[in-house]
Amino acid sequence: MKKLIWIIAVIAGMIPTGLFAQKYCYVDTEYILENITEYKAAQQQLDQLSINWQKEIETKYAFIDKLYKDFQAEQILLTDEMKRKRENEIVTKEKEVKDFQKQKFGFEGELFKKKQELVKPIQDKIFNAIKKMATDQSYAVVFDKSSDLIMLYANPKYDKSDDILNALGYKVGDKGTGGGAGSKPGGTTGGSNTSPKTNPPANSTPASDQDSNIRPK
C-alpha cells in the first residue's frame, strides 16, 4: 500500500495568515496502520489474492507459449487454412489472458475493489478519530509524518499517533524501538512490520492507487 498522503485542516474562523497562531500536531499513519491488526490481516488477504491471480496468469501465458512453439515447429506441415486456425487460436488466447489481467489488476478491477472493501473502512476510522481529536482539542492542522510532506524536524511531544490508537481501542506499540504492533484488548499482538504491498504482475495494468488516501465518507 502506498504511503498515505494526508493533511487534515480543521478550520474554525482561521485565515491562512494566522496559521502559526493556531495549535497544530502530527500523526504517523504508517505507524498507526502497523499497529492495527485488521489492516495487517487485510494486507495478507490482498497479497494472497494477488499471488493466486498472478500464478493463474503465468499458467495461461505458459500455455500460449506452448501453442506458439508447437505452431512454429509444425507450420511447414500445415495447410493455409490450418495455419489460420492455429494463429487465430493463439491470438484469441492472448486476448483472453489480457482481459483477465485487466479484470483482476486493472483500474477499478477486482483487486482495487477488494482493497476498497477491506482497507477503506479502516482508513475512515482513522480519519474520523483524527478529526474528532482535532476538533475536541482545537488543533488547526494535523500533519502526516509518513506522507510526502517534508518535515525537517518533528518534536515527539506533538506526535498524537498513540492517542489515535488509544482512541481506536488499540494497545500502543513501542515507537522508540520499533516494537510489537498493537492489538485490541484480548486480541493477538502482531509483528511490527507491515505485510508486503500487493503488487500486480509486471505485465498487468496497475490498479489505481486512489484508495490509498484517507478521505471522509
N, C-alpha and C. Protein backbone atom coordinates (compact mmCIF):
# COMPACT_ATOMS: atom_id res chain seq x y z
N MET A 1 0.83 -1.17 0.00
CA MET A 1 0.00 0.00 0.00
C MET A 1 0.87 1.23 0.00
N LYS A 2 0.59 2.21 -0.85
CA LYS A 2 1.42 3.38 -0.91
C LYS A 2 1.26 4.21 0.36
N LYS A 3 2.26 5.03 0.63
CA LYS A 3 2.18 5.87 1.81
C LYS A 3 0.94 6.76 1.73
N LEU A 4 0.28 6.91 2.86
CA LEU A 4 -0.91 7.73 2.92
C LEU A 4 -0.50 9.20 2.94
N ILE A 5 -1.00 9.94 1.95
CA ILE A 5 -0.69 11.36 1.87
C ILE A 5 -1.86 12.13 2.46
N TRP A 6 -1.63 12.80 3.58
CA TRP A 6 -2.79 13.23 4.34
C TRP A 6 -2.51 14.49 5.13
N ILE A 7 -3.18 15.57 4.84
CA ILE A 7 -3.13 16.77 5.67
C ILE A 7 -4.56 17.14 6.00
N ILE A 8 -4.91 17.12 7.26
CA ILE A 8 -6.28 17.44 7.68
C ILE A 8 -6.27 18.86 8.24
N ALA A 9 -6.99 19.74 7.62
CA ALA A 9 -7.09 21.10 8.13
C ALA A 9 -8.48 21.32 8.70
N VAL A 10 -8.54 21.58 9.98
CA VAL A 10 -9.82 21.85 10.64
C VAL A 10 -9.88 23.35 10.87
N ILE A 11 -10.75 24.01 10.14
CA ILE A 11 -10.76 25.47 10.15
C ILE A 11 -11.89 25.97 11.04
N ALA A 12 -11.54 26.82 11.98
CA ALA A 12 -12.53 27.40 12.89
C ALA A 12 -12.25 28.89 12.96
N GLY A 13 -12.75 29.63 11.98
CA GLY A 13 -12.53 31.06 11.94
C GLY A 13 -11.07 31.41 11.68
N MET A 14 -10.34 30.52 11.03
CA MET A 14 -8.91 30.72 10.79
C MET A 14 -8.69 31.28 9.41
N ILE A 15 -7.78 32.20 9.27
CA ILE A 15 -7.37 32.71 7.97
C ILE A 15 -5.96 32.21 7.71
N PRO A 16 -5.56 32.05 6.46
CA PRO A 16 -4.25 31.47 6.16
C PRO A 16 -3.09 32.17 6.86
N THR A 17 -3.12 33.50 6.95
CA THR A 17 -2.00 34.22 7.56
C THR A 17 -1.92 33.98 9.06
N GLY A 18 -2.97 33.43 9.64
CA GLY A 18 -2.96 33.19 11.08
C GLY A 18 -2.61 31.77 11.43
N LEU A 19 -2.08 31.01 10.48
CA LEU A 19 -1.81 29.59 10.70
C LEU A 19 -0.90 29.36 11.89
N PHE A 20 0.19 30.16 12.01
CA PHE A 20 1.17 29.90 13.05
C PHE A 20 0.68 30.31 14.42
N ALA A 21 -0.46 30.97 14.50
CA ALA A 21 -1.05 31.30 15.79
C ALA A 21 -1.96 30.18 16.28
N GLN A 22 -2.15 29.17 15.46
CA GLN A 22 -3.05 28.08 15.78
C GLN A 22 -2.28 26.89 16.34
N LYS A 23 -3.01 26.01 17.04
CA LYS A 23 -2.42 24.77 17.52
C LYS A 23 -2.27 23.78 16.37
N TYR A 24 -1.21 23.01 16.41
CA TYR A 24 -1.01 22.00 15.38
C TYR A 24 -0.34 20.79 16.01
N CYS A 25 -0.42 19.66 15.31
CA CYS A 25 0.25 18.44 15.75
C CYS A 25 0.46 17.57 14.52
N TYR A 26 1.00 16.38 14.73
CA TYR A 26 1.16 15.47 13.60
C TYR A 26 0.90 14.04 14.05
N VAL A 27 0.64 13.18 13.08
CA VAL A 27 0.48 11.75 13.32
C VAL A 27 1.34 11.01 12.30
N ASP A 28 1.58 9.76 12.57
CA ASP A 28 2.31 8.89 11.64
C ASP A 28 1.36 7.78 11.23
N THR A 29 0.71 7.94 10.09
CA THR A 29 -0.33 6.98 9.68
C THR A 29 0.26 5.61 9.37
N GLU A 30 1.52 5.59 8.92
CA GLU A 30 2.15 4.29 8.67
C GLU A 30 2.30 3.51 9.98
N TYR A 31 2.74 4.21 11.02
CA TYR A 31 2.86 3.60 12.35
C TYR A 31 1.50 3.16 12.87
N ILE A 32 0.49 4.01 12.68
CA ILE A 32 -0.85 3.67 13.15
C ILE A 32 -1.34 2.39 12.48
N LEU A 33 -1.18 2.31 11.16
CA LEU A 33 -1.63 1.12 10.43
C LEU A 33 -0.86 -0.13 10.85
N GLU A 34 0.44 0.03 11.11
CA GLU A 34 1.24 -1.11 11.56
C GLU A 34 0.72 -1.70 12.87
N ASN A 35 0.04 -0.87 13.64
CA ASN A 35 -0.45 -1.29 14.94
C ASN A 35 -1.93 -1.67 14.93
N ILE A 36 -2.50 -1.80 13.76
CA ILE A 36 -3.90 -2.23 13.63
C ILE A 36 -3.91 -3.62 12.99
N THR A 37 -4.29 -4.61 13.78
CA THR A 37 -4.22 -5.99 13.31
C THR A 37 -5.15 -6.25 12.13
N GLU A 38 -6.29 -5.56 12.09
CA GLU A 38 -7.22 -5.75 10.97
C GLU A 38 -6.59 -5.31 9.65
N TYR A 39 -5.77 -4.27 9.71
CA TYR A 39 -5.10 -3.81 8.49
C TYR A 39 -4.09 -4.85 8.01
N LYS A 40 -3.33 -5.40 8.93
CA LYS A 40 -2.34 -6.41 8.56
C LYS A 40 -3.02 -7.64 7.97
N ALA A 41 -4.16 -8.02 8.55
CA ALA A 41 -4.91 -9.17 8.02
C ALA A 41 -5.44 -8.86 6.62
N ALA A 42 -5.90 -7.62 6.42
CA ALA A 42 -6.41 -7.21 5.11
C ALA A 42 -5.29 -7.26 4.07
N GLN A 43 -4.10 -6.78 4.44
CA GLN A 43 -2.97 -6.81 3.52
C GLN A 43 -2.58 -8.24 3.15
N GLN A 44 -2.61 -9.12 4.13
CA GLN A 44 -2.28 -10.52 3.86
C GLN A 44 -3.29 -11.15 2.91
N GLN A 45 -4.56 -10.81 3.09
CA GLN A 45 -5.59 -11.34 2.20
C GLN A 45 -5.41 -10.81 0.78
N LEU A 46 -5.09 -9.52 0.66
CA LEU A 46 -4.86 -8.94 -0.66
C LEU A 46 -3.62 -9.54 -1.33
N ASP A 47 -2.58 -9.75 -0.54
CA ASP A 47 -1.36 -10.36 -1.07
C ASP A 47 -1.64 -11.76 -1.62
N GLN A 48 -2.43 -12.54 -0.88
CA GLN A 48 -2.72 -13.91 -1.30
C GLN A 48 -3.55 -13.92 -2.58
N LEU A 49 -4.52 -13.02 -2.66
CA LEU A 49 -5.32 -12.91 -3.89
C LEU A 49 -4.41 -12.59 -5.07
N SER A 50 -3.52 -11.62 -4.88
CA SER A 50 -2.61 -11.20 -5.95
C SER A 50 -1.71 -12.36 -6.40
N ILE A 51 -1.19 -13.11 -5.43
CA ILE A 51 -0.32 -14.25 -5.75
C ILE A 51 -1.08 -15.31 -6.55
N ASN A 52 -2.30 -15.61 -6.09
CA ASN A 52 -3.11 -16.63 -6.78
C ASN A 52 -3.43 -16.22 -8.21
N TRP A 53 -3.82 -14.96 -8.40
CA TRP A 53 -4.15 -14.48 -9.75
C TRP A 53 -2.91 -14.43 -10.63
N GLN A 54 -1.78 -14.05 -10.05
CA GLN A 54 -0.55 -13.98 -10.84
C GLN A 54 -0.15 -15.38 -11.31
N LYS A 55 -0.29 -16.36 -10.44
CA LYS A 55 0.03 -17.74 -10.84
C LYS A 55 -0.89 -18.20 -11.98
N GLU A 56 -2.16 -17.84 -11.88
CA GLU A 56 -3.10 -18.22 -12.93
C GLU A 56 -2.72 -17.56 -14.26
N ILE A 57 -2.31 -16.31 -14.20
CA ILE A 57 -1.89 -15.60 -15.41
C ILE A 57 -0.64 -16.24 -16.01
N GLU A 58 0.30 -16.58 -15.15
CA GLU A 58 1.54 -17.20 -15.64
C GLU A 58 1.26 -18.56 -16.28
N THR A 59 0.30 -19.30 -15.72
CA THR A 59 -0.08 -20.59 -16.31
C THR A 59 -0.68 -20.39 -17.70
N LYS A 60 -1.51 -19.36 -17.83
CA LYS A 60 -2.14 -19.07 -19.12
C LYS A 60 -1.10 -18.68 -20.16
N TYR A 61 -0.12 -17.87 -19.75
CA TYR A 61 0.92 -17.45 -20.69
C TYR A 61 1.81 -18.63 -21.07
N ALA A 62 2.05 -19.54 -20.13
CA ALA A 62 2.87 -20.72 -20.45
C ALA A 62 2.16 -21.59 -21.49
N PHE A 63 0.84 -21.69 -21.37
CA PHE A 63 0.06 -22.47 -22.35
C PHE A 63 0.12 -21.82 -23.73
N ILE A 64 0.01 -20.48 -23.76
CA ILE A 64 0.09 -19.76 -25.03
C ILE A 64 1.47 -19.94 -25.66
N ASP A 65 2.49 -19.89 -24.83
CA ASP A 65 3.86 -20.08 -25.34
C ASP A 65 4.02 -21.46 -25.97
N LYS A 66 3.42 -22.46 -25.33
CA LYS A 66 3.49 -23.82 -25.89
C LYS A 66 2.75 -23.90 -27.22
N LEU A 67 1.58 -23.26 -27.29
CA LEU A 67 0.83 -23.25 -28.55
C LEU A 67 1.67 -22.63 -29.67
N TYR A 68 2.35 -21.52 -29.35
CA TYR A 68 3.14 -20.82 -30.36
C TYR A 68 4.33 -21.68 -30.81
N LYS A 69 5.02 -22.29 -29.85
CA LYS A 69 6.18 -23.12 -30.21
C LYS A 69 5.76 -24.35 -31.03
N ASP A 70 4.62 -24.93 -30.66
CA ASP A 70 4.12 -26.07 -31.43
C ASP A 70 3.77 -25.64 -32.85
N PHE A 71 3.18 -24.46 -32.96
CA PHE A 71 2.82 -23.95 -34.28
C PHE A 71 4.07 -23.70 -35.13
N GLN A 72 5.09 -23.10 -34.51
CA GLN A 72 6.33 -22.84 -35.23
C GLN A 72 6.97 -24.13 -35.74
N ALA A 73 6.90 -25.18 -34.93
CA ALA A 73 7.53 -26.45 -35.29
C ALA A 73 6.74 -27.20 -36.35
N GLU A 74 5.42 -27.00 -36.38
CA GLU A 74 4.57 -27.80 -37.24
C GLU A 74 4.03 -27.07 -38.46
N GLN A 75 4.27 -25.77 -38.57
CA GLN A 75 3.59 -24.99 -39.61
C GLN A 75 3.97 -25.43 -41.02
N ILE A 76 5.17 -25.96 -41.16
CA ILE A 76 5.58 -26.41 -42.51
C ILE A 76 4.70 -27.55 -43.02
N LEU A 77 4.07 -28.27 -42.09
CA LEU A 77 3.22 -29.40 -42.46
C LEU A 77 1.75 -29.02 -42.58
N LEU A 78 1.42 -27.76 -42.24
CA LEU A 78 0.02 -27.34 -42.19
C LEU A 78 -0.42 -26.68 -43.48
N THR A 79 -1.69 -26.85 -43.79
CA THR A 79 -2.29 -26.13 -44.91
C THR A 79 -2.52 -24.69 -44.48
N ASP A 80 -2.82 -23.83 -45.44
CA ASP A 80 -3.07 -22.42 -45.12
C ASP A 80 -4.25 -22.28 -44.17
N GLU A 81 -5.29 -23.05 -44.39
CA GLU A 81 -6.47 -22.99 -43.53
C GLU A 81 -6.12 -23.43 -42.10
N MET A 82 -5.32 -24.46 -41.96
CA MET A 82 -4.92 -24.94 -40.64
C MET A 82 -4.02 -23.92 -39.94
N LYS A 83 -3.17 -23.25 -40.72
CA LYS A 83 -2.32 -22.21 -40.16
C LYS A 83 -3.17 -21.07 -39.59
N ARG A 84 -4.15 -20.63 -40.37
CA ARG A 84 -5.01 -19.55 -39.93
C ARG A 84 -5.76 -19.93 -38.64
N LYS A 85 -6.22 -21.17 -38.60
CA LYS A 85 -6.94 -21.65 -37.42
C LYS A 85 -6.05 -21.63 -36.18
N ARG A 86 -4.80 -22.10 -36.34
CA ARG A 86 -3.87 -22.14 -35.21
C ARG A 86 -3.47 -20.71 -34.79
N GLU A 87 -3.26 -19.85 -35.75
CA GLU A 87 -2.90 -18.46 -35.44
C GLU A 87 -4.05 -17.75 -34.71
N ASN A 88 -5.27 -17.98 -35.19
CA ASN A 88 -6.43 -17.36 -34.54
C ASN A 88 -6.60 -17.87 -33.10
N GLU A 89 -6.29 -19.14 -32.90
CA GLU A 89 -6.39 -19.69 -31.55
C GLU A 89 -5.40 -19.00 -30.61
N ILE A 90 -4.18 -18.77 -31.10
CA ILE A 90 -3.16 -18.11 -30.27
C ILE A 90 -3.58 -16.67 -29.96
N VAL A 91 -4.05 -15.96 -30.99
CA VAL A 91 -4.48 -14.58 -30.80
C VAL A 91 -5.63 -14.50 -29.80
N THR A 92 -6.58 -15.42 -29.91
CA THR A 92 -7.73 -15.45 -29.00
C THR A 92 -7.29 -15.70 -27.57
N LYS A 93 -6.38 -16.65 -27.39
CA LYS A 93 -5.88 -16.96 -26.05
C LYS A 93 -5.15 -15.76 -25.44
N GLU A 94 -4.37 -15.06 -26.26
CA GLU A 94 -3.65 -13.89 -25.77
C GLU A 94 -4.63 -12.80 -25.34
N LYS A 95 -5.69 -12.61 -26.11
CA LYS A 95 -6.69 -11.60 -25.74
C LYS A 95 -7.39 -11.99 -24.43
N GLU A 96 -7.66 -13.27 -24.27
CA GLU A 96 -8.33 -13.75 -23.06
C GLU A 96 -7.50 -13.48 -21.82
N VAL A 97 -6.20 -13.74 -21.90
CA VAL A 97 -5.36 -13.54 -20.72
C VAL A 97 -5.18 -12.06 -20.42
N LYS A 98 -5.12 -11.23 -21.45
CA LYS A 98 -5.02 -9.79 -21.22
C LYS A 98 -6.30 -9.25 -20.59
N ASP A 99 -7.43 -9.76 -21.03
CA ASP A 99 -8.71 -9.36 -20.43
C ASP A 99 -8.77 -9.80 -18.97
N PHE A 100 -8.23 -10.99 -18.70
CA PHE A 100 -8.21 -11.50 -17.32
C PHE A 100 -7.34 -10.60 -16.44
N GLN A 101 -6.18 -10.20 -16.96
CA GLN A 101 -5.30 -9.29 -16.22
C GLN A 101 -6.02 -7.98 -15.89
N LYS A 102 -6.68 -7.44 -16.88
CA LYS A 102 -7.39 -6.17 -16.68
C LYS A 102 -8.51 -6.34 -15.67
N GLN A 103 -9.21 -7.46 -15.74
CA GLN A 103 -10.31 -7.72 -14.82
C GLN A 103 -9.81 -7.80 -13.38
N LYS A 104 -8.66 -8.40 -13.16
CA LYS A 104 -8.14 -8.59 -11.81
C LYS A 104 -7.33 -7.40 -11.31
N PHE A 105 -6.44 -6.86 -12.18
CA PHE A 105 -5.48 -5.86 -11.73
C PHE A 105 -5.67 -4.47 -12.34
N GLY A 106 -6.60 -4.33 -13.26
CA GLY A 106 -6.77 -3.05 -13.94
C GLY A 106 -7.46 -2.01 -13.08
N PHE A 107 -7.59 -0.82 -13.64
CA PHE A 107 -8.27 0.27 -12.94
C PHE A 107 -9.69 -0.16 -12.57
N GLU A 108 -9.99 -0.05 -11.26
CA GLU A 108 -11.29 -0.47 -10.72
C GLU A 108 -11.55 -1.95 -10.98
N GLY A 109 -10.47 -2.73 -11.07
CA GLY A 109 -10.61 -4.18 -11.19
C GLY A 109 -10.89 -4.82 -9.84
N GLU A 110 -10.84 -6.14 -9.80
CA GLU A 110 -11.21 -6.86 -8.58
C GLU A 110 -10.27 -6.57 -7.42
N LEU A 111 -8.97 -6.40 -7.70
CA LEU A 111 -8.03 -6.09 -6.62
C LEU A 111 -8.32 -4.71 -6.04
N PHE A 112 -8.58 -3.76 -6.91
CA PHE A 112 -8.92 -2.39 -6.48
C PHE A 112 -10.17 -2.42 -5.60
N LYS A 113 -11.19 -3.14 -6.05
CA LYS A 113 -12.45 -3.19 -5.29
C LYS A 113 -12.27 -3.90 -3.96
N LYS A 114 -11.42 -4.93 -3.95
CA LYS A 114 -11.18 -5.66 -2.70
C LYS A 114 -10.44 -4.78 -1.72
N LYS A 115 -9.50 -3.96 -2.21
CA LYS A 115 -8.81 -3.02 -1.34
C LYS A 115 -9.80 -2.03 -0.73
N GLN A 116 -10.72 -1.54 -1.56
CA GLN A 116 -11.73 -0.61 -1.06
C GLN A 116 -12.57 -1.28 0.02
N GLU A 117 -12.92 -2.52 -0.22
CA GLU A 117 -13.76 -3.26 0.74
C GLU A 117 -13.06 -3.50 2.06
N LEU A 118 -11.77 -3.86 2.01
CA LEU A 118 -11.06 -4.26 3.23
C LEU A 118 -10.35 -3.11 3.93
N VAL A 119 -9.76 -2.20 3.16
CA VAL A 119 -8.88 -1.20 3.74
C VAL A 119 -9.58 0.14 4.00
N LYS A 120 -10.46 0.56 3.11
CA LYS A 120 -11.07 1.88 3.27
C LYS A 120 -11.83 2.04 4.59
N PRO A 121 -12.57 1.03 5.07
CA PRO A 121 -13.22 1.21 6.38
C PRO A 121 -12.23 1.49 7.51
N ILE A 122 -11.04 0.88 7.44
CA ILE A 122 -10.01 1.13 8.45
C ILE A 122 -9.49 2.56 8.31
N GLN A 123 -9.27 3.00 7.08
CA GLN A 123 -8.81 4.36 6.84
C GLN A 123 -9.85 5.38 7.31
N ASP A 124 -11.10 5.09 7.07
CA ASP A 124 -12.17 6.00 7.51
C ASP A 124 -12.21 6.13 9.02
N LYS A 125 -11.99 5.00 9.73
CA LYS A 125 -11.98 5.03 11.19
C LYS A 125 -10.84 5.91 11.71
N ILE A 126 -9.68 5.78 11.07
CA ILE A 126 -8.54 6.61 11.48
C ILE A 126 -8.83 8.08 11.20
N PHE A 127 -9.35 8.37 10.03
CA PHE A 127 -9.68 9.75 9.68
C PHE A 127 -10.65 10.34 10.69
N ASN A 128 -11.70 9.59 11.01
CA ASN A 128 -12.70 10.11 11.93
C ASN A 128 -12.13 10.31 13.33
N ALA A 129 -11.24 9.43 13.75
CA ALA A 129 -10.61 9.57 15.07
C ALA A 129 -9.74 10.83 15.12
N ILE A 130 -9.00 11.09 14.04
CA ILE A 130 -8.15 12.28 14.00
C ILE A 130 -8.99 13.55 13.90
N LYS A 131 -10.03 13.48 13.12
CA LYS A 131 -10.91 14.64 13.00
C LYS A 131 -11.53 14.98 14.36
N LYS A 132 -11.95 13.96 15.10
CA LYS A 132 -12.55 14.19 16.42
C LYS A 132 -11.52 14.78 17.39
N MET A 133 -10.28 14.21 17.37
CA MET A 133 -9.24 14.74 18.23
C MET A 133 -8.94 16.20 17.90
N ALA A 134 -8.83 16.50 16.60
CA ALA A 134 -8.53 17.86 16.18
C ALA A 134 -9.62 18.83 16.60
N THR A 135 -10.87 18.39 16.49
CA THR A 135 -12.00 19.23 16.87
C THR A 135 -12.06 19.42 18.39
N ASP A 136 -11.94 18.30 19.11
CA ASP A 136 -12.06 18.37 20.58
C ASP A 136 -10.92 19.15 21.22
N GLN A 137 -9.71 19.05 20.64
CA GLN A 137 -8.55 19.70 21.23
C GLN A 137 -8.13 20.97 20.50
N SER A 138 -8.98 21.41 19.57
CA SER A 138 -8.79 22.68 18.86
C SER A 138 -7.48 22.76 18.08
N TYR A 139 -7.14 21.66 17.39
CA TYR A 139 -5.99 21.70 16.50
C TYR A 139 -6.42 22.26 15.15
N ALA A 140 -5.65 23.21 14.65
CA ALA A 140 -5.97 23.81 13.36
C ALA A 140 -5.53 22.90 12.22
N VAL A 141 -4.37 22.26 12.38
CA VAL A 141 -3.81 21.42 11.32
C VAL A 141 -3.22 20.16 11.93
N VAL A 142 -3.46 19.03 11.27
CA VAL A 142 -2.83 17.77 11.65
C VAL A 142 -2.03 17.28 10.44
N PHE A 143 -0.71 17.19 10.60
CA PHE A 143 0.15 16.73 9.51
C PHE A 143 0.35 15.22 9.61
N ASP A 144 0.67 14.61 8.48
CA ASP A 144 1.00 13.19 8.46
C ASP A 144 2.50 13.04 8.24
N LYS A 145 3.21 12.54 9.23
CA LYS A 145 4.66 12.38 9.15
C LYS A 145 5.07 11.38 8.08
N SER A 146 4.24 10.39 7.81
CA SER A 146 4.60 9.34 6.86
C SER A 146 4.25 9.69 5.42
N SER A 147 3.70 10.87 5.20
CA SER A 147 3.34 11.27 3.83
C SER A 147 4.54 11.88 3.13
N ASP A 148 4.32 12.38 1.93
CA ASP A 148 5.39 13.02 1.16
C ASP A 148 5.68 14.44 1.63
N LEU A 149 4.91 14.90 2.61
CA LEU A 149 5.17 16.21 3.18
C LEU A 149 6.53 16.20 3.86
N ILE A 150 7.37 17.18 3.55
CA ILE A 150 8.72 17.23 4.12
C ILE A 150 8.65 17.86 5.51
N MET A 151 9.07 17.09 6.50
CA MET A 151 9.15 17.59 7.87
C MET A 151 10.62 17.49 8.29
N LEU A 152 11.33 18.60 8.28
CA LEU A 152 12.75 18.59 8.60
C LEU A 152 13.00 18.23 10.05
N TYR A 153 12.09 18.61 10.92
CA TYR A 153 12.21 18.25 12.33
C TYR A 153 10.81 18.17 12.91
N ALA A 154 10.58 17.16 13.75
CA ALA A 154 9.28 16.99 14.40
C ALA A 154 9.51 16.66 15.87
N ASN A 155 9.08 17.54 16.74
CA ASN A 155 9.19 17.29 18.17
C ASN A 155 8.23 16.18 18.57
N PRO A 156 8.73 15.11 19.18
CA PRO A 156 7.86 13.97 19.54
C PRO A 156 6.66 14.34 20.41
N LYS A 157 6.76 15.43 21.15
CA LYS A 157 5.64 15.78 22.03
C LYS A 157 4.40 16.19 21.25
N TYR A 158 4.59 16.53 19.97
CA TYR A 158 3.45 16.89 19.13
C TYR A 158 2.92 15.70 18.33
N ASP A 159 3.51 14.53 18.53
CA ASP A 159 3.07 13.32 17.83
C ASP A 159 1.86 12.72 18.56
N LYS A 160 0.73 12.67 17.89
CA LYS A 160 -0.50 12.19 18.51
C LYS A 160 -0.90 10.80 17.99
N SER A 161 0.05 10.09 17.39
CA SER A 161 -0.27 8.78 16.82
C SER A 161 -0.78 7.80 17.88
N ASP A 162 -0.11 7.76 19.04
CA ASP A 162 -0.54 6.85 20.10
C ASP A 162 -1.92 7.23 20.63
N ASP A 163 -2.19 8.53 20.68
CA ASP A 163 -3.52 8.98 21.12
C ASP A 163 -4.61 8.46 20.19
N ILE A 164 -4.30 8.44 18.89
CA ILE A 164 -5.28 7.94 17.92
C ILE A 164 -5.49 6.45 18.10
N LEU A 165 -4.40 5.70 18.30
CA LEU A 165 -4.52 4.26 18.52
C LEU A 165 -5.32 3.98 19.80
N ASN A 166 -5.06 4.73 20.84
CA ASN A 166 -5.81 4.56 22.08
C ASN A 166 -7.30 4.87 21.87
N ALA A 167 -7.57 5.91 21.10
CA ALA A 167 -8.97 6.28 20.83
C ALA A 167 -9.68 5.19 20.03
N LEU A 168 -8.92 4.47 19.20
CA LEU A 168 -9.50 3.38 18.41
C LEU A 168 -9.57 2.08 19.19
N GLY A 169 -9.01 2.07 20.41
CA GLY A 169 -9.09 0.89 21.26
C GLY A 169 -7.94 -0.09 21.09
N TYR A 170 -6.80 0.39 20.57
CA TYR A 170 -5.66 -0.49 20.36
C TYR A 170 -4.57 -0.19 21.37
N LYS A 171 -3.86 -1.25 21.78
CA LYS A 171 -2.70 -1.07 22.63
C LYS A 171 -1.59 -0.42 21.81
N VAL A 172 -0.79 0.37 22.48
CA VAL A 172 0.24 1.14 21.79
C VAL A 172 1.52 0.35 21.70
N GLY A 173 2.13 0.33 20.49
CA GLY A 173 3.41 -0.31 20.30
C GLY A 173 4.53 0.57 20.81
N ASP A 174 5.75 0.08 20.74
CA ASP A 174 6.93 0.83 21.19
C ASP A 174 7.55 1.52 19.99
N LYS A 175 7.26 2.80 19.82
CA LYS A 175 7.77 3.53 18.65
C LYS A 175 9.28 3.71 18.69
N GLY A 176 9.81 3.84 19.90
CA GLY A 176 11.23 4.11 20.01
C GLY A 176 12.09 2.95 19.55
N THR A 177 11.60 1.70 19.73
CA THR A 177 12.40 0.53 19.36
C THR A 177 11.83 -0.24 18.21
N GLY A 178 10.69 0.24 17.68
CA GLY A 178 10.05 -0.49 16.58
C GLY A 178 9.48 -1.79 17.08
N GLY A 179 8.92 -1.77 18.31
CA GLY A 179 8.43 -2.98 18.95
C GLY A 179 7.17 -3.50 18.34
N GLY A 180 6.54 -4.44 19.05
CA GLY A 180 5.40 -5.16 18.52
C GLY A 180 4.23 -4.28 18.18
N ALA A 181 3.46 -4.69 17.19
CA ALA A 181 2.29 -3.95 16.78
C ALA A 181 1.21 -4.10 17.81
N GLY A 182 0.33 -3.11 17.83
CA GLY A 182 -0.73 -3.10 18.83
C GLY A 182 -1.87 -4.00 18.47
N SER A 183 -2.70 -4.28 19.44
CA SER A 183 -3.90 -5.07 19.21
C SER A 183 -4.97 -4.59 20.16
N LYS A 184 -6.20 -4.89 19.84
CA LYS A 184 -7.26 -4.56 20.76
C LYS A 184 -7.15 -5.43 22.00
N PRO A 185 -7.62 -4.92 23.15
CA PRO A 185 -7.56 -5.73 24.36
C PRO A 185 -8.15 -7.10 24.14
N GLY A 186 -7.38 -8.15 24.53
CA GLY A 186 -7.86 -9.52 24.33
C GLY A 186 -7.51 -10.08 22.98
N GLY A 187 -6.94 -9.21 22.08
CA GLY A 187 -6.63 -9.67 20.72
C GLY A 187 -5.21 -10.20 20.66
N THR A 188 -4.83 -10.60 19.46
CA THR A 188 -3.49 -11.15 19.24
C THR A 188 -2.56 -10.04 18.83
N THR A 189 -1.40 -9.98 19.45
CA THR A 189 -0.43 -8.95 19.11
C THR A 189 0.38 -9.40 17.93
N GLY A 190 0.47 -8.55 16.90
CA GLY A 190 1.18 -8.89 15.68
C GLY A 190 2.58 -8.33 15.70
N GLY A 191 3.30 -8.55 14.58
CA GLY A 191 4.64 -8.03 14.44
C GLY A 191 4.63 -6.57 14.08
N SER A 192 5.80 -5.95 14.09
CA SER A 192 5.87 -4.52 13.85
C SER A 192 5.93 -4.17 12.39
N ASN A 193 6.25 -5.10 11.53
CA ASN A 193 6.39 -4.80 10.11
C ASN A 193 5.09 -5.03 9.38
N THR A 194 4.81 -4.15 8.43
CA THR A 194 3.62 -4.32 7.63
C THR A 194 3.82 -5.43 6.63
N SER A 195 2.73 -5.99 6.13
CA SER A 195 2.82 -7.03 5.11
C SER A 195 3.31 -6.40 3.82
N PRO A 196 3.91 -7.20 2.93
CA PRO A 196 4.37 -6.64 1.66
C PRO A 196 3.20 -6.04 0.90
N LYS A 197 3.49 -4.97 0.17
CA LYS A 197 2.44 -4.36 -0.63
C LYS A 197 1.96 -5.31 -1.70
N THR A 198 0.68 -5.17 -2.02
CA THR A 198 0.10 -6.04 -3.03
C THR A 198 0.43 -5.48 -4.40
N ASN A 199 1.20 -6.18 -5.18
CA ASN A 199 1.62 -5.72 -6.50
C ASN A 199 1.07 -6.62 -7.58
N PRO A 200 0.55 -6.05 -8.67
CA PRO A 200 0.11 -6.86 -9.80
C PRO A 200 1.30 -7.38 -10.56
N PRO A 201 1.12 -8.37 -11.43
CA PRO A 201 2.23 -8.86 -12.26
C PRO A 201 2.82 -7.74 -13.08
N ALA A 202 4.08 -7.88 -13.45
CA ALA A 202 4.77 -6.82 -14.16
C ALA A 202 4.11 -6.48 -15.48
N ASN A 203 3.46 -7.47 -16.10
CA ASN A 203 2.85 -7.21 -17.41
C ASN A 203 1.36 -6.94 -17.32
N SER A 204 0.89 -6.63 -16.12
CA SER A 204 -0.52 -6.32 -15.97
C SER A 204 -0.70 -4.82 -15.85
N THR A 205 -1.94 -4.37 -16.00
CA THR A 205 -2.25 -2.97 -15.83
C THR A 205 -2.36 -2.67 -14.35
N PRO A 206 -1.58 -1.72 -13.81
CA PRO A 206 -1.61 -1.46 -12.37
C PRO A 206 -2.97 -0.98 -11.94
N ALA A 207 -3.36 -1.39 -10.72
CA ALA A 207 -4.60 -0.91 -10.15
C ALA A 207 -4.42 0.52 -9.72
N SER A 208 -5.50 1.29 -9.71
CA SER A 208 -5.42 2.67 -9.27
C SER A 208 -5.06 2.73 -7.80
N ASP A 209 -4.29 3.78 -7.43
CA ASP A 209 -3.93 3.92 -6.03
C ASP A 209 -4.81 4.97 -5.35
N GLN A 210 -5.98 5.28 -5.94
CA GLN A 210 -6.85 6.27 -5.34
C GLN A 210 -7.32 5.86 -3.97
N ASP A 211 -7.37 4.56 -3.69
CA ASP A 211 -7.87 4.11 -2.40
C ASP A 211 -6.85 4.27 -1.30
N SER A 212 -5.60 4.70 -1.66
CA SER A 212 -4.58 4.81 -0.63
C SER A 212 -4.76 6.06 0.22
N ASN A 213 -5.58 7.00 -0.25
CA ASN A 213 -5.78 8.21 0.52
C ASN A 213 -6.91 8.06 1.50
N ILE A 214 -6.71 8.59 2.70
CA ILE A 214 -7.79 8.56 3.68
C ILE A 214 -8.69 9.75 3.41
N ARG A 215 -9.92 9.49 3.22
CA ARG A 215 -10.87 10.56 2.96
C ARG A 215 -12.10 10.33 3.82
N PRO A 216 -12.79 11.41 4.15
CA PRO A 216 -14.04 11.21 4.89
C PRO A 216 -15.07 10.59 4.01
N LYS A 217 -16.00 9.87 4.63
CA LYS A 217 -17.07 9.27 3.82
C LYS A 217 -17.98 10.35 3.26
